Structure formats: structure tokens, C-alpha cells
Amino acid sequence: MRVSYRDFSKTYLLDLVVAHAGIYELKVTRGLVGAHEAQLLHYLFLCGAHHGKLINFRPVQVESRFVNAPSTQSERRQFAVEMGSWHERDLAERVFRECLFGLLNDWGGWLDVELYTEALVHFSGGEGRGVQRLPLTRDGTRLGTQSFHLLNPETAFRITALTEPTVHYQHQLYSLLHLSPLRTIQWVNLGRQKIQLVSLTR
């Protein structure tokens, strides 16, 4: 299965697709976990399918679990946008926002965050330029490095899909920002009913 937007594309290999029955994701693992269900749900959304099944062949007794898509493709394109704390300082940040909404309008919401992130990195200059490890310091002492997705030398972006209150995570991002040489982190939270765009600035 290939998903694309403009000149970005990514291919997923599905284990088994049965007409009128849905998508089957086959595993050989110690036990099925939430990440496996999220992966199958991602595939259901991309294909516009309603039903899927996880099957794990490793246990002595085969383990299986049904997964149903909780929304239609149309519903995944219906969301409120909150931008009261969003600020753009240059063309790269405006292009980032336009690309983000282009992806959401084309693909819909609720997909794997990594897919949106990969596409936005692509449109921000690719892995070589858009992803860099920056030093973290506190009071002049170097603590290590952290990988950031950059829009420009002073601005990084972060995509999340938190469904719980986001205040705690926002505090974590502020702490990370103050340890880094960055001036701003442009944070996008893709919630189920609301998309928040927040500019965290020193």
C-alpha cells in the first residue's frame, strides 16, 4: 500500500487483505500489545477499511484480536483547530503549517504520528538538513545531545497525538527547549476532536 502527498510517498507492506473481510496483521511475538492494535488501526484508516484482525502465531494457542475502525474517512477530516498560541516568524514556519494542513486534508487525522512527521521532515529539507542532534546544556555543563526536527537553525517542531490534557507535556517541552540552543519549538498535537498548534518560545 502506498500513501503519498505531492512528492512524498511511503509504502507499507500489508500481511493479508481479504475482500469484504478486512485486513489481517500476522505476528509472531510473545503477546499482542497496544502498539500492534495501533499499527492495524493505522492500516485500516489508510485503506478506508472498517475491520481488521490481529493474529499471533507464537503462543501455544494462537492468539487473535479484532480491531474495528471507530470512524469513517470523512469523520477523520472533521476537527477543530486551536491556534491562539501559534506564531510564525519566517517562510519555513508558514510552509510547515500549510503542509501540515495539506496532509490532514488529504489523509485525514488519527494516523500514526511518525507518518506525518516523516512527511513534514521531507518538506522541511529532508533527513540530512531537517533532522539534527543538538547539544543540551544546563548552567554551562553539557548533558548530552538530542535529536530535533528543524524548520530553521533556531526552530524545531514536534508532533504528538495526546488525548489526555497536554499541560504536563507542554512543561516537558519547555524544559527541553531551555536546555537546547533553540529559540522555539513549534508543537502540534493531533487530538481526536481538536488539533492544537502551540509556539513554545524562550
Protein backbone atom coordinates (compact mmCIF):
# COMPACT_ATOMS: atom_id res chain seq x y z
CA MET A 1 0.00 0.00 0.00
CA ARG A 2 1.40 3.39 -0.99
CA VAL A 3 0.48 6.66 0.70
CA SER A 4 1.60 9.91 -0.87
CA TYR A 5 1.25 13.68 -0.82
CA ARG A 6 2.84 15.82 -3.52
CA ASP A 7 6.37 14.40 -3.99
CA PHE A 8 6.42 12.50 -0.67
CA SER A 9 5.46 8.82 -0.60
CA LYS A 10 5.74 5.87 1.75
CA THR A 11 4.98 2.22 1.14
CA TYR A 12 3.51 -0.18 3.69
CA LEU A 13 3.51 -3.96 3.24
CA LEU A 14 0.25 -5.44 4.50
CA ASP A 15 0.25 -9.08 5.58
CA LEU A 16 -3.15 -10.12 4.27
CA VAL A 17 -6.12 -8.28 2.74
CA VAL A 18 -9.35 -10.25 2.27
CA ALA A 19 -12.16 -8.76 0.21
CA HIS A 20 -15.22 -7.93 2.35
CA ALA A 21 -13.40 -9.25 5.46
CA GLY A 22 -10.77 -6.60 6.11
CA ILE A 23 -7.06 -6.56 6.90
CA TYR A 24 -5.22 -9.31 8.77
CA GLU A 25 -1.98 -8.43 10.57
CA LEU A 26 0.08 -11.52 11.37
CA LYS A 27 2.52 -11.58 14.30
CA VAL A 28 4.98 -13.98 15.92
CA THR A 29 5.52 -12.33 19.28
CA ARG A 30 5.30 -13.04 22.99
CA GLY A 31 1.91 -11.37 23.21
CA LEU A 32 -0.27 -8.82 21.45
CA VAL A 33 0.08 -5.30 22.84
CA GLY A 34 -1.46 -1.89 22.22
CA ALA A 35 1.20 -0.98 19.65
CA HIS A 36 0.08 -3.88 17.44
CA GLU A 37 -3.52 -2.69 17.61
CA ALA A 38 -2.44 0.87 16.78
CA GLN A 39 -0.50 -0.40 13.75
CA LEU A 40 -3.51 -2.27 12.39
CA LEU A 41 -5.80 0.69 13.08
CA HIS A 42 -3.36 2.87 11.08
CA TYR A 43 -3.67 0.46 8.14
CA LEU A 44 -7.47 0.42 8.40
CA PHE A 45 -7.59 4.20 8.25
CA LEU A 46 -5.23 4.36 5.28
CA CYS A 47 -7.22 1.77 3.33
CA GLY A 48 -10.62 3.07 4.32
CA ALA A 49 -11.40 -0.40 5.73
CA HIS A 50 -13.70 -0.94 8.70
CA HIS A 51 -12.50 -4.22 10.20
CA GLY A 52 -9.22 -6.00 10.86
CA LYS A 53 -7.82 -8.85 12.87
CA LEU A 54 -4.54 -9.38 14.69
CA ILE A 55 -3.29 -12.98 14.77
CA ASN A 56 -0.30 -14.03 16.86
CA PHE A 57 1.13 -17.46 15.99
CA ARG A 58 3.82 -17.65 18.68
CA PRO A 59 1.80 -18.82 21.73
CA VAL A 60 0.90 -22.49 22.04
CA GLN A 61 -2.69 -21.47 21.45
CA VAL A 62 -3.00 -18.97 18.61
CA GLU A 63 -3.95 -15.53 19.93
CA SER A 64 -6.23 -13.20 18.00
CA ARG A 65 -7.95 -9.89 18.44
CA PHE A 66 -10.49 -8.00 16.29
CA VAL A 67 -9.90 -4.31 15.58
CA ASN A 68 -12.60 -2.01 14.22
CA ALA A 69 -12.09 1.47 12.80
CA PRO A 70 -14.03 3.85 15.07
CA SER A 71 -14.56 6.50 12.38
CA THR A 72 -15.01 6.98 8.65
CA GLN A 73 -12.60 8.79 6.34
CA SER A 74 -15.00 11.74 6.28
CA GLU A 75 -15.11 11.93 10.09
CA ARG A 76 -11.30 11.92 10.26
CA ARG A 77 -11.30 15.18 8.32
CA GLN A 78 -13.63 16.92 10.77
CA PHE A 79 -11.76 18.58 13.61
CA ALA A 80 -11.49 21.90 15.39
CA VAL A 81 -8.23 23.83 15.17
CA GLU A 82 -6.82 25.86 18.06
CA MET A 83 -4.07 28.32 17.04
CA GLY A 84 -4.30 31.05 19.68
CA SER A 85 -0.73 30.40 20.85
CA TRP A 86 0.80 29.88 17.40
CA HIS A 87 3.28 32.36 15.90
CA GLU A 88 5.28 32.22 12.68
CA ARG A 89 8.49 34.18 12.18
CA ASP A 90 9.57 33.14 8.69
CA LEU A 91 8.57 31.45 5.46
CA ALA A 92 9.72 28.00 6.62
CA GLU A 93 7.28 28.07 9.54
CA ARG A 94 4.41 29.19 7.29
CA VAL A 95 5.21 26.46 4.75
CA PHE A 96 5.30 23.93 7.61
CA ARG A 97 1.77 24.91 8.72
CA GLU A 98 0.46 24.83 5.15
CA CYS A 99 1.98 21.38 4.58
CA LEU A 100 0.52 20.12 7.85
CA PHE A 101 -3.00 21.16 6.89
CA GLY A 102 -2.48 19.83 3.38
CA LEU A 103 -1.61 16.42 4.84
CA LEU A 104 -4.59 16.47 7.20
CA ASN A 105 -6.99 17.45 4.42
CA ASP A 106 -5.62 14.74 2.12
CA TRP A 107 -5.02 11.87 4.57
CA GLY A 108 -7.28 12.82 7.47
CA GLY A 109 -6.38 12.66 11.13
CA TRP A 110 -5.67 9.83 13.58
CA LEU A 111 -2.88 8.20 11.57
CA ASP A 112 0.47 7.18 13.03
CA VAL A 113 2.31 10.35 14.14
CA GLU A 114 5.50 9.07 12.50
CA LEU A 115 3.89 9.28 9.05
CA TYR A 116 3.03 12.97 9.46
CA THR A 117 6.48 13.61 10.93
CA GLU A 118 8.30 11.88 8.06
CA ALA A 119 6.32 13.87 5.50
CA LEU A 120 6.95 17.19 7.29
CA VAL A 121 10.67 16.42 7.58
CA HIS A 122 10.68 15.72 3.83
CA PHE A 123 9.11 19.10 3.07
CA SER A 124 11.47 20.82 5.54
CA GLY A 125 14.60 19.74 3.69
CA GLY A 126 14.86 16.00 4.30
CA GLU A 127 16.65 13.94 6.94
CA GLY A 128 20.08 15.44 6.27
CA ARG A 129 19.02 19.03 6.84
CA GLY A 130 15.76 18.70 8.73
CA VAL A 131 16.93 16.31 11.47
CA GLN A 132 19.95 17.20 13.60
CA ARG A 133 21.39 16.35 17.01
CA LEU A 134 21.84 19.45 19.14
CA PRO A 135 23.72 19.82 22.44
CA LEU A 136 21.83 20.06 25.72
CA THR A 137 23.40 22.11 28.50
CA ARG A 138 22.48 23.26 31.99
CA ASP A 139 24.41 26.08 33.69
CA GLY A 140 27.29 25.62 31.25
CA THR A 141 27.52 21.85 31.80
CA ARG A 142 26.97 19.69 28.75
CA LEU A 143 24.35 17.00 29.38
CA GLY A 144 24.44 15.24 26.01
CA THR A 145 22.64 15.65 22.70
CA GLN A 146 19.07 15.38 21.49
CA SER A 147 17.68 14.81 18.00
CA PHE A 148 15.39 17.59 16.75
CA HIS A 149 13.33 18.09 13.62
CA LEU A 150 14.36 21.55 12.45
CA LEU A 151 12.48 24.17 10.45
CA ASN A 152 15.38 26.62 10.66
CA PRO A 153 18.54 26.83 12.83
CA GLU A 154 16.56 28.28 15.77
CA THR A 155 13.24 26.42 15.43
CA ALA A 156 12.28 22.76 15.81
CA PHE A 157 8.92 21.08 15.51
CA ARG A 158 7.28 18.27 17.47
CA ILE A 159 4.15 16.29 16.52
CA THR A 160 2.17 14.37 19.14
CA ALA A 161 -1.22 12.68 19.37
CA LEU A 162 -2.11 13.10 23.03
CA THR A 163 -5.69 12.52 24.09
CA GLU A 164 -5.19 13.41 27.75
CA PRO A 165 -4.67 17.02 28.97
CA THR A 166 -1.49 18.34 27.37
CA VAL A 167 -0.26 20.77 30.05
CA HIS A 168 2.24 18.30 31.55
CA TYR A 169 3.77 17.51 28.16
CA GLN A 170 3.97 21.22 27.38
CA HIS A 171 6.06 21.72 30.53
CA GLN A 172 8.37 18.91 29.40
CA LEU A 173 8.86 20.59 26.03
CA TYR A 174 9.63 23.92 27.74
CA SER A 175 12.28 22.20 29.85
CA LEU A 176 13.82 20.64 26.76
CA LEU A 177 13.74 23.99 24.96
CA HIS A 178 15.64 25.73 27.76
CA LEU A 179 18.35 23.06 27.73
CA SER A 180 18.82 23.39 23.97
CA PRO A 181 20.25 26.21 21.80
CA LEU A 182 16.85 26.59 20.12
CA ARG A 183 14.66 29.66 20.37
CA THR A 184 11.32 27.99 19.53
CA ILE A 185 9.62 24.61 19.41
CA GLN A 186 6.55 24.56 17.19
CA TRP A 187 4.34 21.91 18.76
CA VAL A 188 1.37 20.29 17.05
CA ASN A 189 -0.92 17.96 18.99
CA LEU A 190 -3.24 15.91 16.79
CA GLY A 191 -6.07 15.17 19.20
CA ARG A 192 -9.15 13.22 18.22
CA GLN A 193 -11.50 16.19 18.11
CA LYS A 194 -9.12 19.14 18.31
CA ILE A 195 -5.79 19.99 16.70
CA GLN A 196 -3.63 22.33 18.74
CA LEU A 197 -0.79 24.41 17.29
CA VAL A 198 1.39 25.96 20.00
CA SER A 199 4.57 28.01 19.71
CA LEU A 200 6.84 27.45 22.70
CA THR A 201 9.41 30.25 22.83
CA ARG A 202 12.18 31.24 25.22
